Amino acid sequence: MPIIVNLDVMMAKRKMSSQELAERVGITTANLSILKTGKAKAVRFSTLEKICEELECQPGDILEFRRE
């Protein structure tokens, strides 16, 4: 898939666990895991906004487009 999710990288930079981020964003750790592994078919802008707010980053810091 040409969309790469770099959520692990930002979480590591902010020293935040999956459990902590999921709680702060208001999603399950299972759904966060699906997003982190790139298996999600969609993400709500409201969820993306909360993730960026908690990680103090921009959407482009966690989502990347690469041509195949």
N, C-alpha and C. Protein backbone atom coordinates (compact mmCIF):
# COMPACT_ATOMS: atom_id res chain seq x y z
N MET A 1 0.85 -1.19 0.00
CA MET A 1 0.00 0.00 0.00
C MET A 1 0.89 1.25 0.00
N PRO A 2 0.57 2.22 -0.81
CA PRO A 2 1.42 3.40 -0.91
C PRO A 2 1.31 4.37 0.27
N ILE A 3 0.37 4.17 1.18
CA ILE A 3 0.29 5.02 2.38
C ILE A 3 1.03 4.31 3.51
N ILE A 4 2.05 4.94 4.02
CA ILE A 4 2.87 4.39 5.10
C ILE A 4 2.49 5.10 6.39
N VAL A 5 2.26 4.33 7.44
CA VAL A 5 1.90 4.89 8.75
C VAL A 5 3.14 4.85 9.64
N ASN A 6 3.60 6.02 10.03
CA ASN A 6 4.78 6.15 10.89
C ASN A 6 4.40 6.48 12.33
N LEU A 7 3.30 5.95 12.77
CA LEU A 7 2.80 6.25 14.11
C LEU A 7 3.76 5.75 15.18
N ASP A 8 4.36 4.58 14.98
CA ASP A 8 5.33 4.04 15.94
C ASP A 8 6.50 4.99 16.15
N VAL A 9 6.94 5.61 15.07
CA VAL A 9 8.08 6.53 15.14
C VAL A 9 7.75 7.71 16.03
N MET A 10 6.57 8.32 15.80
CA MET A 10 6.18 9.48 16.61
C MET A 10 5.93 9.09 18.05
N MET A 11 5.35 7.93 18.28
CA MET A 11 5.11 7.48 19.65
C MET A 11 6.44 7.27 20.38
N ALA A 12 7.42 6.72 19.69
CA ALA A 12 8.74 6.51 20.29
C ALA A 12 9.41 7.84 20.62
N LYS A 13 9.29 8.81 19.69
CA LYS A 13 9.87 10.13 19.93
C LYS A 13 9.26 10.81 21.14
N ARG A 14 7.96 10.56 21.36
CA ARG A 14 7.25 11.18 22.48
C ARG A 14 7.24 10.28 23.72
N LYS A 15 7.89 9.11 23.60
CA LYS A 15 7.95 8.14 24.70
C LYS A 15 6.56 7.82 25.25
N MET A 16 5.64 7.51 24.32
CA MET A 16 4.26 7.22 24.69
C MET A 16 3.92 5.79 24.27
N SER A 17 3.30 5.06 25.19
CA SER A 17 2.91 3.68 24.90
C SER A 17 1.60 3.65 24.12
N SER A 18 1.33 2.51 23.51
CA SER A 18 0.08 2.32 22.79
C SER A 18 -1.11 2.46 23.73
N GLN A 19 -0.98 1.88 24.91
CA GLN A 19 -2.05 1.95 25.90
C GLN A 19 -2.36 3.40 26.27
N GLU A 20 -1.32 4.18 26.53
CA GLU A 20 -1.50 5.57 26.93
C GLU A 20 -2.13 6.40 25.80
N LEU A 21 -1.63 6.24 24.58
CA LEU A 21 -2.17 7.00 23.46
C LEU A 21 -3.62 6.62 23.20
N ALA A 22 -3.92 5.32 23.22
CA ALA A 22 -5.29 4.87 22.99
C ALA A 22 -6.25 5.47 24.01
N GLU A 23 -5.85 5.48 25.27
CA GLU A 23 -6.68 6.06 26.32
C GLU A 23 -6.90 7.55 26.10
N ARG A 24 -5.83 8.26 25.77
CA ARG A 24 -5.93 9.71 25.57
C ARG A 24 -6.79 10.07 24.36
N VAL A 25 -6.72 9.24 23.31
CA VAL A 25 -7.45 9.51 22.07
C VAL A 25 -8.90 9.03 22.18
N GLY A 26 -9.12 8.01 23.00
CA GLY A 26 -10.46 7.48 23.16
C GLY A 26 -10.78 6.36 22.19
N ILE A 27 -9.76 5.57 21.84
CA ILE A 27 -9.97 4.40 20.99
C ILE A 27 -9.39 3.18 21.71
N THR A 28 -9.73 2.00 21.22
CA THR A 28 -9.19 0.79 21.84
C THR A 28 -7.75 0.58 21.39
N THR A 29 -7.01 -0.18 22.19
CA THR A 29 -5.64 -0.49 21.79
C THR A 29 -5.64 -1.37 20.54
N ALA A 30 -6.69 -2.18 20.37
CA ALA A 30 -6.80 -3.01 19.16
C ALA A 30 -6.94 -2.13 17.91
N ASN A 31 -7.78 -1.10 17.98
CA ASN A 31 -7.95 -0.19 16.85
C ASN A 31 -6.68 0.61 16.59
N LEU A 32 -5.98 0.99 17.64
CA LEU A 32 -4.72 1.71 17.47
C LEU A 32 -3.70 0.80 16.79
N SER A 33 -3.68 -0.47 17.18
CA SER A 33 -2.77 -1.43 16.58
C SER A 33 -3.05 -1.61 15.09
N ILE A 34 -4.33 -1.66 14.72
CA ILE A 34 -4.72 -1.77 13.31
C ILE A 34 -4.21 -0.56 12.54
N LEU A 35 -4.33 0.60 13.13
CA LEU A 35 -3.85 1.82 12.49
C LEU A 35 -2.32 1.81 12.37
N LYS A 36 -1.63 1.44 13.45
CA LYS A 36 -0.17 1.42 13.46
C LYS A 36 0.42 0.48 12.42
N THR A 37 -0.25 -0.65 12.19
CA THR A 37 0.28 -1.64 11.25
C THR A 37 -0.10 -1.35 9.81
N GLY A 38 -0.88 -0.30 9.59
CA GLY A 38 -1.27 0.07 8.24
C GLY A 38 -2.40 -0.78 7.68
N LYS A 39 -3.08 -1.52 8.54
CA LYS A 39 -4.17 -2.39 8.09
C LYS A 39 -5.52 -1.69 8.07
N ALA A 40 -5.58 -0.47 8.60
CA ALA A 40 -6.84 0.28 8.62
C ALA A 40 -7.19 0.71 7.20
N LYS A 41 -8.45 0.60 6.87
CA LYS A 41 -8.91 1.02 5.55
C LYS A 41 -9.27 2.50 5.54
N ALA A 42 -9.49 3.05 6.73
CA ALA A 42 -9.85 4.47 6.85
C ALA A 42 -9.53 4.95 8.26
N VAL A 43 -9.43 6.25 8.39
CA VAL A 43 -9.27 6.86 9.71
C VAL A 43 -10.11 8.14 9.72
N ARG A 44 -10.84 8.33 10.77
CA ARG A 44 -11.66 9.54 10.88
C ARG A 44 -10.75 10.74 11.14
N PHE A 45 -11.11 11.85 10.55
CA PHE A 45 -10.34 13.07 10.79
C PHE A 45 -10.34 13.44 12.26
N SER A 46 -11.43 13.18 12.96
CA SER A 46 -11.49 13.50 14.39
C SER A 46 -10.48 12.65 15.17
N THR A 47 -10.30 11.39 14.78
CA THR A 47 -9.31 10.53 15.43
C THR A 47 -7.91 10.99 15.09
N LEU A 48 -7.68 11.31 13.83
CA LEU A 48 -6.37 11.81 13.40
C LEU A 48 -6.03 13.11 14.13
N GLU A 49 -7.02 13.96 14.29
CA GLU A 49 -6.82 15.23 15.00
C GLU A 49 -6.40 14.98 16.45
N LYS A 50 -7.07 14.04 17.12
CA LYS A 50 -6.74 13.74 18.52
C LYS A 50 -5.35 13.13 18.65
N ILE A 51 -5.00 12.25 17.71
CA ILE A 51 -3.67 11.65 17.73
C ILE A 51 -2.60 12.73 17.57
N CYS A 52 -2.81 13.62 16.61
CA CYS A 52 -1.84 14.71 16.38
C CYS A 52 -1.77 15.63 17.59
N GLU A 53 -2.90 15.88 18.21
CA GLU A 53 -2.93 16.74 19.39
C GLU A 53 -2.13 16.10 20.53
N GLU A 54 -2.33 14.82 20.77
CA GLU A 54 -1.64 14.14 21.86
C GLU A 54 -0.15 13.96 21.60
N LEU A 55 0.21 13.72 20.33
CA LEU A 55 1.62 13.53 19.99
C LEU A 55 2.32 14.84 19.61
N GLU A 56 1.54 15.94 19.60
CA GLU A 56 2.08 17.25 19.23
C GLU A 56 2.81 17.17 17.89
N CYS A 57 2.08 16.72 16.87
CA CYS A 57 2.66 16.58 15.55
C CYS A 57 1.65 16.95 14.48
N GLN A 58 2.09 16.90 13.24
CA GLN A 58 1.24 17.17 12.09
C GLN A 58 0.85 15.83 11.45
N PRO A 59 -0.27 15.77 10.72
CA PRO A 59 -0.65 14.53 10.05
C PRO A 59 0.46 13.96 9.16
N GLY A 60 1.21 14.83 8.52
CA GLY A 60 2.31 14.40 7.66
C GLY A 60 3.46 13.76 8.43
N ASP A 61 3.49 13.95 9.74
CA ASP A 61 4.52 13.30 10.56
C ASP A 61 4.22 11.82 10.76
N ILE A 62 2.95 11.44 10.63
CA ILE A 62 2.59 10.05 10.86
C ILE A 62 2.07 9.33 9.61
N LEU A 63 1.69 10.08 8.59
CA LEU A 63 1.23 9.48 7.34
C LEU A 63 2.12 9.92 6.20
N GLU A 64 2.49 8.97 5.35
CA GLU A 64 3.41 9.24 4.26
C GLU A 64 2.93 8.51 3.00
N PHE A 65 3.08 9.14 1.85
CA PHE A 65 2.73 8.52 0.58
C PHE A 65 3.99 8.12 -0.17
N ARG A 66 4.05 6.85 -0.58
CA ARG A 66 5.19 6.38 -1.38
C ARG A 66 4.64 5.66 -2.60
N ARG A 67 5.15 6.03 -3.74
CA ARG A 67 4.74 5.34 -4.98
C ARG A 67 5.30 3.92 -4.95
N GLU A 68 4.52 3.00 -5.45
CA GLU A 68 4.98 1.61 -5.49
C GLU A 68 5.79 1.33 -6.73
